């Protein structure tokens, strides 16, 4: 979880939006066997807005069948 400071100085904690399950190994397609993201997607993940992260986790990753 990452803490976020609010304008009144309070600290709010939010859960990180990530499909990572801690099984970090690439398959023959170059996709992580745990989360099914490519290396480029993993590298860019921190800079994506939450709406894009949700779209990828909801629409893109489930369509990638494990091998």
C-alpha atoms as a PDB file:
ATOM      1  CA  UNK A   1       0.000   0.000   0.000  1.00  0.00           C
ATOM      2  CA  UNK A   2       1.158   3.487  -0.675  1.00  0.00           C
ATOM      3  CA  UNK A   3       0.479   6.427   1.645  1.00  0.00           C
ATOM      4  CA  UNK A   4      -0.941   9.595   0.149  1.00  0.00           C
ATOM      5  CA  UNK A   5      -0.824  12.937   1.932  1.00  0.00           C
ATOM      6  CA  UNK A   6      -4.024  14.965   1.800  1.00  0.00           C
ATOM      7  CA  UNK A   7      -4.255  18.753   1.737  1.00  0.00           C
ATOM      8  CA  UNK A   8      -5.014  18.859   5.479  1.00  0.00           C
ATOM      9  CA  UNK A   9      -1.846  16.882   6.299  1.00  0.00           C
ATOM     10  CA  UNK A  10      -3.638  13.608   7.031  1.00  0.00           C
ATOM     11  CA  UNK A  11      -2.240  10.431   5.536  1.00  0.00           C
ATOM     12  CA  UNK A  12      -4.492   8.191   3.491  1.00  0.00           C
ATOM     13  CA  UNK A  13      -3.508   4.644   2.529  1.00  0.00           C
ATOM     14  CA  UNK A  14      -4.575   3.093  -0.758  1.00  0.00           C
ATOM     15  CA  UNK A  15      -3.956  -0.380  -2.132  1.00  0.00           C
ATOM     16  CA  UNK A  16      -1.624  -0.614  -5.096  1.00  0.00           C
ATOM     17  CA  UNK A  17      -3.348  -1.647  -8.323  1.00  0.00           C
ATOM     18  CA  UNK A  18      -1.175  -4.418  -9.661  1.00  0.00           C
ATOM     19  CA  UNK A  19      -1.734  -7.876 -11.098  1.00  0.00           C
ATOM     20  CA  UNK A  20       1.623  -9.050  -9.706  1.00  0.00           C
ATOM     21  CA  UNK A  21       1.370 -12.308  -7.765  1.00  0.00           C
ATOM     22  CA  UNK A  22       5.087 -12.634  -7.037  1.00  0.00           C
ATOM     23  CA  UNK A  23       5.791 -15.329  -9.657  1.00  0.00           C
ATOM     24  CA  UNK A  24       8.184 -13.338 -11.826  1.00  0.00           C
ATOM     25  CA  UNK A  25       9.418 -15.476 -14.698  1.00  0.00           C
ATOM     26  CA  UNK A  26       9.011 -14.947 -18.452  1.00  0.00           C
ATOM     27  CA  UNK A  27       7.510 -17.562 -20.754  1.00  0.00           C
ATOM     28  CA  UNK A  28       8.520 -18.196 -24.381  1.00  0.00           C
ATOM     29  CA  UNK A  29       6.297 -15.285 -25.518  1.00  0.00           C
ATOM     30  CA  UNK A  30       8.079 -12.865 -23.197  1.00  0.00           C
ATOM     31  CA  UNK A  31       5.115 -12.623 -20.814  1.00  0.00           C
ATOM     32  CA  UNK A  32       5.368 -13.022 -17.055  1.00  0.00           C
ATOM     33  CA  UNK A  33       3.918 -16.400 -16.042  1.00  0.00           C
ATOM     34  CA  UNK A  34       2.459 -14.837 -12.893  1.00  0.00           C
ATOM     35  CA  UNK A  35       0.716 -11.708 -14.150  1.00  0.00           C
ATOM     36  CA  UNK A  36       0.901 -12.174 -17.951  1.00  0.00           C
ATOM     37  CA  UNK A  37       2.392  -8.705 -18.520  1.00  0.00           C
ATOM     38  CA  UNK A  38       5.239  -8.045 -20.950  1.00  0.00           C
ATOM     39  CA  UNK A  39       8.489  -6.500 -19.744  1.00  0.00           C
ATOM     40  CA  UNK A  40       7.468  -3.200 -21.359  1.00  0.00           C
ATOM     41  CA  UNK A  41       4.132  -3.259 -19.498  1.00  0.00           C
ATOM     42  CA  UNK A  42       5.842  -4.087 -16.208  1.00  0.00           C
ATOM     43  CA  UNK A  43       8.349  -1.252 -16.702  1.00  0.00           C
ATOM     44  CA  UNK A  44       5.619   1.279 -17.558  1.00  0.00           C
ATOM     45  CA  UNK A  45       3.161   0.147 -14.860  1.00  0.00           C
ATOM     46  CA  UNK A  46       4.143   2.717 -12.213  1.00  0.00           C
ATOM     47  CA  UNK A  47       3.502   5.605 -14.590  1.00  0.00           C
ATOM     48  CA  UNK A  48       0.037   4.421 -15.723  1.00  0.00           C
ATOM     49  CA  UNK A  49      -3.031   6.122 -14.272  1.00  0.00           C
ATOM     50  CA  UNK A  50      -5.335   3.892 -12.218  1.00  0.00           C
ATOM     51  CA  UNK A  51      -7.982   3.924 -14.958  1.00  0.00           C
ATOM     52  CA  UNK A  52      -5.509   2.410 -17.439  1.00  0.00           C
ATOM     53  CA  UNK A  53      -4.280  -0.142 -14.889  1.00  0.00           C
ATOM     54  CA  UNK A  54      -7.864  -1.244 -14.278  1.00  0.00           C
ATOM     55  CA  UNK A  55      -8.533  -1.502 -18.030  1.00  0.00           C
ATOM     56  CA  UNK A  56      -5.441  -3.659 -18.566  1.00  0.00           C
ATOM     57  CA  UNK A  57      -6.251  -5.918 -15.595  1.00  0.00           C
ATOM     58  CA  UNK A  58      -9.916  -6.223 -16.615  1.00  0.00           C
ATOM     59  CA  UNK A  59      -9.662  -6.494 -20.410  1.00  0.00           C
ATOM     60  CA  UNK A  60      -6.134  -7.248 -21.610  1.00  0.00           C
ATOM     61  CA  UNK A  61      -4.514  -9.646 -19.160  1.00  0.00           C
ATOM     62  CA  UNK A  62      -7.420 -12.133 -18.845  1.00  0.00           C
ATOM     63  CA  UNK A  63      -7.368 -12.582 -22.635  1.00  0.00           C
ATOM     64  CA  UNK A  64      -3.752 -13.790 -22.482  1.00  0.00           C
ATOM     65  CA  UNK A  65      -3.986 -17.499 -21.888  1.00  0.00           C
ATOM     66  CA  UNK A  66      -1.191 -19.143 -19.884  1.00  0.00           C
ATOM     67  CA  UNK A  67       0.956 -21.726 -21.636  1.00  0.00           C
END
